[in-house]
PDB file of N, CA and C in Angstrom:
ATOM      1  N   MET A   1     -16.516  29.492 126.926  1.00  0.00           N
ATOM      2  CA  MET A   1     -16.333  28.521 127.991  1.00  0.00           C
ATOM      3  C   MET A   1     -15.143  28.888 128.876  1.00  0.00           C
ATOM      4  N   LYS A   2     -14.036  29.275 128.231  1.00  0.00           N
ATOM      5  CA  LYS A   2     -12.852  29.626 129.011  1.00  0.00           C
ATOM      6  C   LYS A   2     -13.096  30.875 129.840  1.00  0.00           C
ATOM      7  N   LYS A   3     -13.858  31.824 129.274  1.00  0.00           N
ATOM      8  CA  LYS A   3     -14.130  33.061 129.997  1.00  0.00           C
ATOM      9  C   LYS A   3     -14.977  32.777 131.245  1.00  0.00           C
ATOM     10  N   GLY A   4     -15.992  31.945 131.119  1.00  0.00           N
ATOM     11  CA  GLY A   4     -16.827  31.580 132.261  1.00  0.00           C
ATOM     12  C   GLY A   4     -16.032  30.834 133.322  1.00  0.00           C
ATOM     13  N   PHE A   5     -15.152  29.955 132.893  1.00  0.00           N
ATOM     14  CA  PHE A   5     -14.288  29.213 133.807  1.00  0.00           C
ATOM     15  C   PHE A   5     -13.365  30.169 134.570  1.00  0.00           C
ATOM     16  N   PHE A   6     -12.803  31.145 133.851  1.00  0.00           N
ATOM     17  CA  PHE A   6     -11.907  32.141 134.448  1.00  0.00           C
ATOM     18  C   PHE A   6     -12.654  33.013 135.458  1.00  0.00           C
ATOM     19  N   VAL A   7     -13.859  33.447 135.120  1.00  0.00           N
ATOM     20  CA  VAL A   7     -14.670  34.265 136.025  1.00  0.00           C
ATOM     21  C   VAL A   7     -15.026  33.465 137.273  1.00  0.00           C
ATOM     22  N   PHE A   8     -15.381  32.204 137.100  1.00  0.00           N
ATOM     23  CA  PHE A   8     -15.738  31.354 138.237  1.00  0.00           C
ATOM     24  C   PHE A   8     -14.572  31.246 139.224  1.00  0.00           C
ATOM     25  N   PHE A   9     -13.364  30.991 138.735  1.00  0.00           N
ATOM     26  CA  PHE A   9     -12.214  30.860 139.629  1.00  0.00           C
ATOM     27  C   PHE A   9     -11.803  32.192 140.245  1.00  0.00           C
ATOM     28  N   ASN A  10     -12.018  33.285 139.560  1.00  0.00           N
ATOM     29  CA  ASN A  10     -11.763  34.597 140.161  1.00  0.00           C
ATOM     30  C   ASN A  10     -12.711  34.861 141.320  1.00  0.00           C
ATOM     31  N   ILE A  11     -13.966  34.485 141.145  1.00  0.00           N
ATOM     32  CA  ILE A  11     -14.939  34.672 142.224  1.00  0.00           C
ATOM     33  C   ILE A  11     -14.568  33.805 143.421  1.00  0.00           C
ATOM     34  N   ILE A  12     -14.209  32.562 143.189  1.00  0.00           N
ATOM     35  CA  ILE A  12     -13.790  31.669 144.276  1.00  0.00           C
ATOM     36  C   ILE A  12     -12.557  32.235 144.979  1.00  0.00           C
ATOM     37  N   PHE A  13     -11.603  32.732 144.213  1.00  0.00           N
ATOM     38  CA  PHE A  13     -10.382  33.308 144.779  1.00  0.00           C
ATOM     39  C   PHE A  13     -10.704  34.523 145.644  1.00  0.00           C
ATOM     40  N   LEU A  14     -11.565  35.412 145.148  1.00  0.00           N
ATOM     41  CA  LEU A  14     -11.914  36.612 145.907  1.00  0.00           C
ATOM     42  C   LEU A  14     -12.658  36.271 147.191  1.00  0.00           C
ATOM     43  N   PHE A  15     -13.555  35.291 147.145  1.00  0.00           N
ATOM     44  CA  PHE A  15     -14.239  34.877 148.365  1.00  0.00           C
ATOM     45  C   PHE A  15     -13.256  34.261 149.362  1.00  0.00           C
ATOM     46  N   GLY A  16     -12.274  33.537 148.862  1.00  0.00           N
ATOM     47  CA  GLY A  16     -11.250  32.968 149.739  1.00  0.00           C
ATOM     48  C   GLY A  16     -10.426  34.043 150.414  1.00  0.00           C
ATOM     49  N   ILE A  17      -9.999  35.043 149.658  1.00  0.00           N
ATOM     50  CA  ILE A  17      -9.234  36.154 150.230  1.00  0.00           C
ATOM     51  C   ILE A  17     -10.090  36.936 151.208  1.00  0.00           C
ATOM     52  N   TYR A  18     -11.341  37.186 150.844  1.00  0.00           N
ATOM     53  CA  TYR A  18     -12.249  37.905 151.732  1.00  0.00           C
ATOM     54  C   TYR A  18     -12.427  37.146 153.044  1.00  0.00           C
ATOM     55  N   GLY A  19     -12.545  35.837 152.969  1.00  0.00           N
ATOM     56  CA  GLY A  19     -12.701  35.030 154.176  1.00  0.00           C
ATOM     57  C   GLY A  19     -11.461  35.045 155.042  1.00  0.00           C
ATOM     58  N   ILE A  20     -10.294  35.094 154.418  1.00  0.00           N
ATOM     59  CA  ILE A  20      -9.053  35.138 155.189  1.00  0.00           C
ATOM     60  C   ILE A  20      -8.890  36.490 155.862  1.00  0.00           C
ATOM     61  N   VAL A  21      -9.123  37.558 155.108  1.00  0.00           N
ATOM     62  CA  VAL A  21      -8.900  38.900 155.643  1.00  0.00           C
ATOM     63  C   VAL A  21      -9.959  39.285 156.663  1.00  0.00           C
ATOM     64  N   TYR A  22     -11.211  39.007 156.358  1.00  0.00           N
ATOM     65  CA  TYR A  22     -12.298  39.428 157.228  1.00  0.00           C
ATOM     66  C   TYR A  22     -12.921  38.259 157.967  1.00  0.00           C
ATOM     67  N   GLY A  23     -12.172  37.233 158.179  1.00  0.00           N
ATOM     68  CA  GLY A  23     -12.710  36.018 158.759  1.00  0.00           C
ATOM     69  C   GLY A  23     -12.945  36.105 160.246  1.00  0.00           C
ATOM     70  N   ASN A  24     -12.156  35.442 160.974  1.00  0.00           N
ATOM     71  CA  ASN A  24     -12.340  35.264 162.392  1.00  0.00           C
ATOM     72  C   ASN A  24     -11.820  36.482 163.150  1.00  0.00           C
ATOM     73  N   THR A  25     -12.650  37.029 164.032  1.00  0.00           N
ATOM     74  CA  THR A  25     -12.222  38.218 164.774  1.00  0.00           C
ATOM     75  C   THR A  25     -11.126  37.898 165.771  1.00  0.00           C
ATOM     76  N   ILE A  26     -11.044  36.660 166.251  1.00  0.00           N
ATOM     77  CA  ILE A  26      -9.976  36.338 167.197  1.00  0.00           C
ATOM     78  C   ILE A  26      -8.627  36.326 166.498  1.00  0.00           C
ATOM     79  N   ASP A  27      -8.606  35.919 165.234  1.00  0.00           N
ATOM     80  CA  ASP A  27      -7.351  35.991 164.487  1.00  0.00           C
ATOM     81  C   ASP A  27      -6.922  37.436 164.295  1.00  0.00           C
ATOM     82  N   ILE A  28      -7.886  38.305 164.024  1.00  0.00           N
ATOM     83  CA  ILE A  28      -7.581  39.733 163.903  1.00  0.00           C
ATOM     84  C   ILE A  28      -7.065  40.260 165.233  1.00  0.00           C
ATOM     85  N   CYS A  29      -7.692  39.835 166.319  1.00  0.00           N
ATOM     86  CA  CYS A  29      -7.262  40.255 167.656  1.00  0.00           C
ATOM     87  C   CYS A  29      -5.823  39.834 167.925  1.00  0.00           C
ATOM     88  N   LYS A  30      -5.498  38.587 167.626  1.00  0.00           N
ATOM     89  CA  LYS A  30      -4.144  38.078 167.874  1.00  0.00           C
ATOM     90  C   LYS A  30      -3.109  38.813 167.033  1.00  0.00           C
ATOM     91  N   VAL A  31      -3.415  39.024 165.754  1.00  0.00           N
ATOM     92  CA  VAL A  31      -2.463  39.702 164.868  1.00  0.00           C
ATOM     93  C   VAL A  31      -2.258  41.145 165.314  1.00  0.00           C
ATOM     94  N   GLN A  32      -3.342  41.836 165.637  1.00  0.00           N
ATOM     95  CA  GLN A  32      -3.219  43.229 166.071  1.00  0.00           C
ATOM     96  C   GLN A  32      -2.494  43.325 167.409  1.00  0.00           C
ATOM     97  N   PHE A  33      -2.718  42.359 168.302  1.00  0.00           N
ATOM     98  CA  PHE A  33      -2.007  42.353 169.580  1.00  0.00           C
ATOM     99  C   PHE A  33      -0.514  42.135 169.361  1.00  0.00           C
ATOM    100  N   ASP A  34      -0.169  41.195 168.490  1.00  0.00           N
ATOM    101  CA  ASP A  34       1.241  40.938 168.198  1.00  0.00           C
ATOM    102  C   ASP A  34       1.910  42.132 167.529  1.00  0.00           C
ATOM    103  N   ASN A  35       1.138  42.900 166.749  1.00  0.00           N
ATOM    104  CA  ASN A  35       1.681  44.081 166.077  1.00  0.00           C
ATOM    105  C   ASN A  35       1.615  45.333 166.949  1.00  0.00           C
ATOM    106  N   LYS A  36       1.218  45.175 168.200  1.00  0.00           N
ATOM    107  CA  LYS A  36       1.128  46.271 169.169  1.00  0.00           C
ATOM    108  C   LYS A  36       0.102  47.336 168.776  1.00  0.00           C
ATOM    109  N   ASN A  37      -0.905  46.951 168.013  1.00  0.00           N
ATOM    110  CA  ASN A  37      -1.991  47.855 167.649  1.00  0.00           C
ATOM    111  C   ASN A  37      -3.125  47.619 168.646  1.00  0.00           C
ATOM    112  N   ILE A  38      -3.031  48.268 169.785  1.00  0.00           N
ATOM    113  CA  ILE A  38      -3.878  47.965 170.932  1.00  0.00           C
ATOM    114  C   ILE A  38      -5.345  48.319 170.684  1.00  0.00           C
ATOM    115  N   ASP A  39      -5.619  49.427 170.010  1.00  0.00           N
ATOM    116  CA  ASP A  39      -7.011  49.842 169.801  1.00  0.00           C
ATOM    117  C   ASP A  39      -7.797  48.825 168.975  1.00  0.00           C
ATOM    118  N   LEU A  40      -7.235  48.416 167.852  1.00  0.00           N
ATOM    119  CA  LEU A  40      -7.930  47.432 167.010  1.00  0.00           C
ATOM    120  C   LEU A  40      -8.003  46.069 167.689  1.00  0.00           C
ATOM    121  N   ALA A  41      -6.950  45.715 168.416  1.00  0.00           N
ATOM    122  CA  ALA A  41      -6.964  44.438 169.131  1.00  0.00           C
ATOM    123  C   ALA A  41      -8.049  44.432 170.199  1.00  0.00           C
ATOM    124  N   THR A  42      -8.190  45.537 170.911  1.00  0.00           N
ATOM    125  CA  THR A  42      -9.208  45.618 171.957  1.00  0.00           C
ATOM    126  C   THR A  42     -10.605  45.482 171.371  1.00  0.00           C
ATOM    127  N   LYS A  43     -10.861  46.161 170.259  1.00  0.00           N
ATOM    128  CA  LYS A  43     -12.192  46.094 169.640  1.00  0.00           C
ATOM    129  C   LYS A  43     -12.531  44.672 169.196  1.00  0.00           C
ATOM    130  N   SER A  44     -11.597  44.013 168.521  1.00  0.00           N
ATOM    131  CA  SER A  44     -11.901  42.665 168.035  1.00  0.00           C
ATOM    132  C   SER A  44     -11.952  41.659 169.179  1.00  0.00           C
ATOM    133  N   CYS A  45     -11.147  41.843 170.214  1.00  0.00           N
ATOM    134  CA  CYS A  45     -11.206  40.937 171.369  1.00  0.00           C
ATOM    135  C   CYS A  45     -12.503  41.129 172.148  1.00  0.00           C
ATOM    136  N   GLU A  46     -12.987  42.364 172.224  1.00  0.00           N
ATOM    137  CA  GLU A  46     -14.260  42.596 172.903  1.00  0.00           C
ATOM    138  C   GLU A  46     -15.411  41.925 172.157  1.00  0.00           C
ATOM    139  N   GLN A  47     -15.341  41.910 170.822  1.00  0.00           N
ATOM    140  CA  GLN A  47     -16.366  41.201 170.049  1.00  0.00           C
ATOM    141  C   GLN A  47     -16.326  39.708 170.356  1.00  0.00           C
ATOM    142  N   GLU A  48     -15.133  39.154 170.481  1.00  0.00           N
ATOM    143  CA  GLU A  48     -15.006  37.730 170.813  1.00  0.00           C
ATOM    144  C   GLU A  48     -15.474  37.456 172.237  1.00  0.00           C
ATOM    145  N   ALA A  49     -15.178  38.375 173.157  1.00  0.00           N
ATOM    146  CA  ALA A  49     -15.595  38.180 174.545  1.00  0.00           C
ATOM    147  C   ALA A  49     -17.117  38.213 174.664  1.00  0.00           C
ATOM    148  N   LYS A  50     -17.772  39.026 173.841  1.00  0.00           N
ATOM    149  CA  LYS A  50     -19.240  39.052 173.851  1.00  0.00           C
ATOM    150  C   LYS A  50     -19.813  37.707 173.419  1.00  0.00           C
ATOM    151  N   ALA A  51     -19.068  36.997 172.582  1.00  0.00           N
ATOM    152  CA  ALA A  51     -19.487  35.657 172.146  1.00  0.00           C
ATOM    153  C   ALA A  51     -19.061  34.586 173.146  1.00  0.00           C
ATOM    154  N   ASN A  52     -18.545  35.009 174.306  1.00  0.00           N
ATOM    155  CA  ASN A  52     -18.110  34.113 175.382  1.00  0.00           C
ATOM    156  C   ASN A  52     -16.972  33.195 174.931  1.00  0.00           C
ATOM    157  N   SER A  53     -15.992  33.780 174.264  1.00  0.00           N
ATOM    158  CA  SER A  53     -14.836  33.036 173.766  1.00  0.00           C
ATOM    159  C   SER A  53     -13.682  33.130 174.759  1.00  0.00           C
ATOM    160  N   ILE A  54     -13.042  32.006 175.016  1.00  0.00           N
ATOM    161  CA  ILE A  54     -11.914  31.986 175.942  1.00  0.00           C
ATOM    162  C   ILE A  54     -10.758  32.824 175.403  1.00  0.00           C
ATOM    163  N   ASP A  55     -10.553  32.801 174.084  1.00  0.00           N
ATOM    164  CA  ASP A  55      -9.482  33.594 173.486  1.00  0.00           C
ATOM    165  C   ASP A  55      -9.734  35.084 173.660  1.00  0.00           C
ATOM    166  N   GLY A  56     -10.980  35.500 173.519  1.00  0.00           N
ATOM    167  CA  GLY A  56     -11.311  36.909 173.689  1.00  0.00           C
ATOM    168  C   GLY A  56     -10.984  37.401 175.081  1.00  0.00           C
ATOM    169  N   PHE A  57     -11.387  36.637 176.106  1.00  0.00           N
ATOM    170  CA  PHE A  57     -11.087  37.026 177.483  1.00  0.00           C
ATOM    171  C   PHE A  57      -9.588  36.982 177.760  1.00  0.00           C
ATOM    172  N   PHE A  58      -8.911  35.958 177.243  1.00  0.00           N
ATOM    173  CA  PHE A  58      -7.477  35.814 177.482  1.00  0.00           C
ATOM    174  C   PHE A  58      -6.698  36.989 176.888  1.00  0.00           C
ATOM    175  N   TYR A  59      -6.987  37.318 175.635  1.00  0.00           N
ATOM    176  CA  TYR A  59      -6.249  38.414 175.005  1.00  0.00           C
ATOM    177  C   TYR A  59      -6.647  39.775 175.560  1.00  0.00           C
ATOM    178  N   LEU A  60      -7.884  39.945 176.007  1.00  0.00           N
ATOM    179  CA  LEU A  60      -8.234  41.185 176.698  1.00  0.00           C
ATOM    180  C   LEU A  60      -7.439  41.310 177.992  1.00  0.00           C
ATOM    181  N   GLY A  61      -7.261  40.195 178.695  1.00  0.00           N
ATOM    182  CA  GLY A  61      -6.424  40.216 179.893  1.00  0.00           C
ATOM    183  C   GLY A  61      -4.993  40.608 179.576  1.00  0.00           C
ATOM    184  N   ARG A  62      -4.448  40.061 178.503  1.00  0.00           N
ATOM    185  CA  ARG A  62      -3.076  40.411 178.114  1.00  0.00           C
ATOM    186  C   ARG A  62      -2.968  41.871 177.686  1.00  0.00           C
ATOM    187  N   ILE A  63      -3.985  42.364 177.000  1.00  0.00           N
ATOM    188  CA  ILE A  63      -3.969  43.771 176.582  1.00  0.00           C
ATOM    189  C   ILE A  63      -3.953  44.678 177.803  1.00  0.00           C
ATOM    190  N   TYR A  64      -4.844  44.415 178.758  1.00  0.00           N
ATOM    191  CA  TYR A  64      -4.904  45.276 179.941  1.00  0.00           C
ATOM    192  C   TYR A  64      -3.690  45.088 180.845  1.00  0.00           C
ATOM    193  N   LEU A  65      -3.074  43.933 180.806  1.00  0.00           N
ATOM    194  CA  LEU A  65      -1.828  43.741 181.540  1.00  0.00           C
ATOM    195  C   LEU A  65      -0.721  44.592 180.926  1.00  0.00           C
ATOM    196  N   ASN A  66      -0.663  44.649 179.599  1.00  0.00           N
ATOM    197  CA  ASN A  66       0.330  45.491 178.927  1.00  0.00           C
ATOM    198  C   ASN A  66       0.056  46.973 179.135  1.00  0.00           C
ATOM    199  N   LEU A  67      -1.210  47.328 179.336  1.00  0.00           N
ATOM    200  CA  LEU A  67      -1.562  48.726 179.597  1.00  0.00           C
ATOM    201  C   LEU A  67      -1.404  49.095 181.069  1.00  0.00           C
ATOM    202  N   ASN A  68      -0.909  48.169 181.875  1.00  0.00           N
ATOM    203  CA  ASN A  68      -0.673  48.354 183.309  1.00  0.00           C
ATOM    204  C   ASN A  68      -1.981  48.593 184.073  1.00  0.00           C
ATOM    205  N   HIS A  69      -2.979  47.782 183.771  1.00  0.00           N
ATOM    206  CA  HIS A  69      -4.240  47.745 184.507  1.00  0.00           C
ATOM    207  C   HIS A  69      -4.421  46.322 185.035  1.00  0.00           C
ATOM    208  N   PRO A  70      -3.670  45.961 186.098  1.00  0.00           N
ATOM    209  CA  PRO A  70      -3.683  44.557 186.532  1.00  0.00           C
ATOM    210  C   PRO A  70      -5.027  44.079 187.076  1.00  0.00           C
ATOM    211  N   LYS A  71      -5.807  44.951 187.725  1.00  0.00           N
ATOM    212  CA  LYS A  71      -7.097  44.506 188.258  1.00  0.00           C
ATOM    213  C   LYS A  71      -8.040  44.085 187.136  1.00  0.00           C
ATOM    214  N   THR A  72      -8.087  44.882 186.094  1.00  0.00           N
ATOM    215  CA  THR A  72      -8.933  44.548 184.949  1.00  0.00           C
ATOM    216  C   THR A  72      -8.433  43.286 184.263  1.00  0.00           C
ATOM    217  N   ALA A  73      -7.110  43.167 184.145  1.00  0.00           N
ATOM    218  CA  ALA A  73      -6.518  41.979 183.520  1.00  0.00           C
ATOM    219  C   ALA A  73      -6.866  40.724 184.316  1.00  0.00           C
ATOM    220  N   ILE A  74      -6.784  40.805 185.631  1.00  0.00           N
ATOM    221  CA  ILE A  74      -7.105  39.655 186.482  1.00  0.00           C
ATOM    222  C   ILE A  74      -8.563  39.235 186.280  1.00  0.00           C
ATOM    223  N   ASN A  75      -9.461  40.210 186.183  1.00  0.00           N
ATOM    224  CA  ASN A  75     -10.879  39.880 185.966  1.00  0.00           C
ATOM    225  C   ASN A  75     -11.087  39.149 184.644  1.00  0.00           C
ATOM    226  N   PHE A  76     -10.407  39.591 183.590  1.00  0.00           N
ATOM    227  CA  PHE A  76     -10.542  38.904 182.303  1.00  0.00           C
ATOM    228  C   PHE A  76      -9.919  37.512 182.349  1.00  0.00           C
ATOM    229  N   PHE A  77      -8.785  37.370 183.043  1.00  0.00           N
ATOM    230  CA  PHE A  77      -8.167  36.047 183.158  1.00  0.00           C
ATOM    231  C   PHE A  77      -9.065  35.099 183.951  1.00  0.00           C
ATOM    232  N   LYS A  78      -9.745  35.611 184.974  1.00  0.00           N
ATOM    233  CA  LYS A  78     -10.663  34.765 185.742  1.00  0.00           C
ATOM    234  C   LYS A  78     -11.837  34.295 184.886  1.00  0.00           C
ATOM    235  N   LYS A  79     -12.339  35.196 184.029  1.00  0.00           N
ATOM    236  CA  LYS A  79     -13.426  34.792 183.127  1.00  0.00           C
ATOM    237  C   LYS A  79     -12.943  33.727 182.151  1.00  0.00           C
ATOM    238  N   ALA A  80     -11.718  33.882 181.652  1.00  0.00           N
ATOM    239  CA  ALA A  80     -11.157  32.883 180.734  1.00  0.00           C
ATOM    240  C   ALA A  80     -10.922  31.563 181.453  1.00  0.00           C
ATOM    241  N   GLN A  81     -10.539  31.632 182.718  1.00  0.00           N
ATOM    242  CA  GLN A  81     -10.266  30.428 183.501  1.00  0.00           C
ATOM    243  C   GLN A  81     -11.536  29.606 183.709  1.00  0.00           C
ATOM    244  N   GLN A  82     -12.678  30.263 183.811  1.00  0.00           N
ATOM    245  CA  GLN A  82     -13.931  29.564 184.080  1.00  0.00           C
ATOM    246  C   GLN A  82     -14.467  28.813 182.861  1.00  0.00           C
ATOM    247  N   LEU A  83     -13.998  29.173 181.676  1.00  0.00           N
ATOM    248  CA  LEU A  83     -14.466  28.498 180.465  1.00  0.00           C
ATOM    249  C   LEU A  83     -13.658  27.229 180.223  1.00  0.00           C
ATOM    250  N   PRO A  84     -14.258  26.211 179.633  1.00  0.00           N
ATOM    251  CA  PRO A  84     -13.526  24.958 179.393  1.00  0.00           C
ATOM    252  C   PRO A  84     -12.453  25.127 178.319  1.00  0.00           C
ATOM    253  N   SER A  85     -11.289  24.537 178.589  1.00  0.00           N
ATOM    254  CA  SER A  85     -10.186  24.548 177.614  1.00  0.00           C
ATOM    255  C   SER A  85      -9.234  23.412 177.960  1.00  0.00           C
ATOM    256  N   ASN A  86      -8.181  23.278 177.150  1.00  0.00           N
ATOM    257  CA  ASN A  86      -7.200  22.228 177.425  1.00  0.00           C
ATOM    258  C   ASN A  86      -6.212  22.687 178.500  1.00  0.00           C
ATOM    259  N   LEU A  87      -5.424  21.767 179.018  1.00  0.00           N
ATOM    260  CA  LEU A  87      -4.518  22.079 180.123  1.00  0.00           C
ATOM    261  C   LEU A  87      -3.424  23.058 179.727  1.00  0.00           C
ATOM    262  N   SER A  88      -2.962  22.982 178.504  1.00  0.00           N
ATOM    263  CA  SER A  88      -1.925  23.900 178.053  1.00  0.00           C
ATOM    264  C   SER A  88      -2.426  25.342 178.095  1.00  0.00           C
ATOM    265  N   TYR A  89      -3.650  25.543 177.664  1.00  0.00           N
ATOM    266  CA  TYR A  89      -4.221  26.890 177.670  1.00  0.00           C
ATOM    267  C   TYR A  89      -4.472  27.354 179.099  1.00  0.00           C
ATOM    268  N   LYS A  90      -4.910  26.438 179.971  1.00  0.00           N
ATOM    269  CA  LYS A  90      -5.096  26.790 181.384  1.00  0.00           C
ATOM    270  C   LYS A  90      -3.773  27.236 182.001  1.00  0.00           C
ATOM    271  N   GLY A  91      -2.680  26.569 181.616  1.00  0.00           N
ATOM    272  CA  GLY A  91      -1.367  26.965 182.111  1.00  0.00           C
ATOM    273  C   GLY A  91      -1.000  28.375 181.696  1.00  0.00           C
ATOM    274  N   LYS A  92      -1.308  28.741 180.453  1.00  0.00           N
ATOM    275  CA  LYS A  92      -1.047  30.112 179.995  1.00  0.00           C
ATOM    276  C   LYS A  92      -1.870  31.116 180.789  1.00  0.00           C
ATOM    277  N   ILE A  93      -3.118  30.766 181.037  1.00  0.00           N
ATOM    278  CA  ILE A  93      -3.990  31.671 181.789  1.00  0.00           C
ATOM    279  C   ILE A  93      -3.436  31.884 183.190  1.00  0.00           C
ATOM    280  N   TYR A  94      -3.049  30.789 183.873  1.00  0.00           N
ATOM    281  CA  TYR A  94      -2.504  30.919 185.222  1.00  0.00           C
ATOM    282  C   TYR A  94      -1.183  31.684 185.223  1.00  0.00           C
ATOM    283  N   ARG A  95      -0.371  31.484 184.202  1.00  0.00           N
ATOM    284  CA  ARG A  95       0.911  32.192 184.106  1.00  0.00           C
ATOM    285  C   ARG A  95       0.694  33.707 184.034  1.00  0.00           C
ATOM    286  N   TYR A  96      -0.176  34.128 183.135  1.00  0.00           N
ATOM    287  CA  TYR A  96      -0.409  35.563 182.995  1.00  0.00           C
ATOM    288  C   TYR A  96      -1.203  36.128 184.168  1.00  0.00           C
ATOM    289  N   MET A  97      -2.039  35.308 184.803  1.00  0.00           N
ATOM    290  CA  MET A  97      -2.738  35.771 185.991  1.00  0.00           C
ATOM    291  C   MET A  97      -1.750  36.006 187.130  1.00  0.00           C
ATOM    292  N   ALA A  98      -0.753  35.135 187.246  1.00  0.00           N
ATOM    293  CA  ALA A  98       0.280  35.323 188.270  1.00  0.00           C
ATOM    294  C   ALA A  98       1.079  36.597 188.000  1.00  0.00           C
ATOM    295  N   ILE A  99       1.385  36.858 186.737  1.00  0.00           N
ATOM    296  CA  ILE A  99       2.099  38.089 186.389  1.00  0.00           C
ATOM    297  C   ILE A  99       1.246  39.305 186.745  1.00  0.00           C
ATOM    298  N   ALA A 100      -0.063  39.224 186.507  1.00  0.00           N
ATOM    299  CA  ALA A 100      -0.957  40.339 186.830  1.00  0.00           C
ATOM    300  C   ALA A 100      -1.026  40.563 188.338  1.00  0.00           C
ATOM    301  N   TYR A 101      -1.091  39.465 189.119  1.00  0.00           N
ATOM    302  CA  TYR A 101      -1.103  39.615 190.573  1.00  0.00           C
ATOM    303  C   TYR A 101       0.211  40.213 191.075  1.00  0.00           C
ATOM    304  N   LEU A 102       1.332  39.801 190.511  1.00  0.00           N
ATOM    305  CA  LEU A 102       2.622  40.379 190.891  1.00  0.00           C
ATOM    306  C   LEU A 102       2.671  41.859 190.533  1.00  0.00           C
ATOM    307  N   ASN A 103       2.164  42.200 189.367  1.00  0.00           N
ATOM    308  CA  ASN A 103       2.116  43.594 188.943  1.00  0.00           C
ATOM    309  C   ASN A 103       1.253  44.416 189.894  1.00  0.00           C
ATOM    310  N   LEU A 104       0.109  43.874 190.297  1.00  0.00           N
ATOM    311  CA  LEU A 104      -0.777  44.559 191.232  1.00  0.00           C
ATOM    312  C   LEU A 104      -0.104  44.745 192.586  1.00  0.00           C
ATOM    313  N   TYR A 105       0.596  43.722 193.063  1.00  0.00           N
ATOM    314  CA  TYR A 105       1.313  43.805 194.337  1.00  0.00           C
ATOM    315  C   TYR A 105       2.372  44.905 194.291  1.00  0.00           C
ATOM    316  N   LEU A 106       3.163  44.922 193.233  1.00  0.00           N
ATOM    317  CA  LEU A 106       4.214  45.936 193.121  1.00  0.00           C
ATOM    318  C   LEU A 106       3.629  47.334 192.976  1.00  0.00           C
ATOM    319  N   GLN A 107       2.524  47.435 192.272  1.00  0.00           N
ATOM    320  CA  GLN A 107       1.865  48.728 192.122  1.00  0.00           C
ATOM    321  C   GLN A 107       1.353  49.228 193.472  1.00  0.00           C
ATOM    322  N   ASN A 108       0.770  48.340 194.268  1.00  0.00           N
ATOM    323  CA  ASN A 108       0.280  48.725 195.590  1.00  0.00           C
ATOM    324  C   ASN A 108       1.423  49.107 196.515  1.00  0.00           C
ATOM    325  N   LYS A 109       2.541  48.375 196.437  1.00  0.00           N
ATOM    326  CA  LYS A 109       3.710  48.723 197.252  1.00  0.00           C
ATOM    327  C   LYS A 109       4.227  50.105 196.887  1.00  0.00           C
ATOM    328  N   PHE A 110       4.303  50.387 195.596  1.00  0.00           N
ATOM    329  CA  PHE A 110       4.765  51.697 195.151  1.00  0.00           C
ATOM    330  C   PHE A 110       3.860  52.799 195.690  1.00  0.00           C
ATOM    331  N   LEU A 111       2.541  52.594 195.596  1.00  0.00           N
ATOM    332  CA  LEU A 111       1.611  53.611 196.080  1.00  0.00           C
ATOM    333  C   LEU A 111       1.727  53.797 197.585  1.00  0.00           C
ATOM    334  N   TYR A 112       1.941  52.701 198.307  1.00  0.00           N
ATOM    335  CA  TYR A 112       2.105  52.792 199.757  1.00  0.00           C
ATOM    336  C   TYR A 112       3.338  53.613 200.109  1.00  0.00           C
ATOM    337  N   TYR A 113       4.473  53.281 199.520  1.00  0.00           N
ATOM    338  CA  TYR A 113       5.695  54.013 199.834  1.00  0.00           C
ATOM    339  C   TYR A 113       5.626  55.455 199.359  1.00  0.00           C
ATOM    340  N   ARG A 114       4.953  55.687 198.251  1.00  0.00           N
ATOM    341  CA  ARG A 114       4.786  57.063 197.787  1.00  0.00           C
ATOM    342  C   ARG A 114       3.982  57.864 198.801  1.00  0.00           C
ATOM    343  N   ASP A 115       2.894  57.283 199.300  1.00  0.00           N
ATOM    344  CA  ASP A 115       2.055  58.000 200.257  1.00  0.00           C
ATOM    345  C   ASP A 115       2.762  58.202 201.584  1.00  0.00           C
ATOM    346  N   VAL A 116       3.455  57.195 202.068  1.00  0.00           N
ATOM    347  CA  VAL A 116       4.095  57.281 203.379  1.00  0.00           C
ATOM    348  C   VAL A 116       5.301  58.206 203.354  1.00  0.00           C
ATOM    349  N   TYR A 117       6.188  58.030 202.399  1.00  0.00           N
ATOM    350  CA  TYR A 117       7.453  58.755 202.431  1.00  0.00           C
ATOM    351  C   TYR A 117       7.406  60.100 201.723  1.00  0.00           C
ATOM    352  N   LEU A 118       6.694  60.211 200.641  1.00  0.00           N
ATOM    353  CA  LEU A 118       6.693  61.478 199.915  1.00  0.00           C
ATOM    354  C   LEU A 118       5.645  62.449 200.435  1.00  0.00           C
ATOM    355  N   ASN A 119       4.486  61.974 200.790  1.00  0.00           N
ATOM    356  CA  ASN A 119       3.441  62.873 201.271  1.00  0.00           C
ATOM    357  C   ASN A 119       3.684  63.336 202.695  1.00  0.00           C
ATOM    358  N   HIS A 120       4.350  62.541 203.502  1.00  0.00           N
ATOM    359  CA  HIS A 120       4.614  62.916 204.889  1.00  0.00           C
ATOM    360  C   HIS A 120       6.006  63.484 205.076  1.00  0.00           C
ATOM    361  N   ARG A 121       6.746  63.561 203.999  1.00  0.00           N
ATOM    362  CA  ARG A 121       8.094  64.141 204.013  1.00  0.00           C
ATOM    363  C   ARG A 121       9.014  63.464 205.029  1.00  0.00           C
ATOM    364  N   ILE A 122       8.886  62.166 205.131  1.00  0.00           N
ATOM    365  CA  ILE A 122       9.776  61.402 205.998  1.00  0.00           C
ATOM    366  C   ILE A 122      10.899  60.882 205.121  1.00  0.00           C
ATOM    367  N   PHE A 123      12.060  61.370 205.346  1.00  0.00           N
ATOM    368  CA  PHE A 123      13.214  60.931 204.574  1.00  0.00           C
ATOM    369  C   PHE A 123      14.252  60.346 205.514  1.00  0.00           C
ATOM    370  N   ILE A 124      14.825  59.282 205.100  1.00  0.00           N
ATOM    371  CA  ILE A 124      15.880  58.649 205.883  1.00  0.00           C
ATOM    372  C   ILE A 124      17.187  59.330 205.518  1.00  0.00           C
ATOM    373  N   THR A 125      17.875  59.836 206.530  1.00  0.00           N
ATOM    374  CA  THR A 125      19.154  60.518 206.270  1.00  0.00           C
ATOM    375  C   THR A 125      20.294  59.774 206.887  1.00  0.00           C
TER     376      THR A 125
END
């Protein structure tokens, strides 16, 4: 009787651990993003985005913003913005979307000045 009881609780424990470790892909995405493991975070966030999850789109936007791809990040933030969520989450989306737009603006300014001043050899003396 004790052996069967022990085996039963071991099975329950293992299923619990398995569910925690291999559970929700968005949790894996968040943990990998926080640990700066971009490849694994991207894969798990893409799986969530395929399921039309607001978290998947939001974290994909943050990943591409960190990779300095503001246009792609803005597109993911717009997809996340269109899905229903609470106001606090909408605020986060708008905050990071504004950062992405600022990043895009600065990137375009840099490219403009690079093309005008470096390619045409116009230097102010």
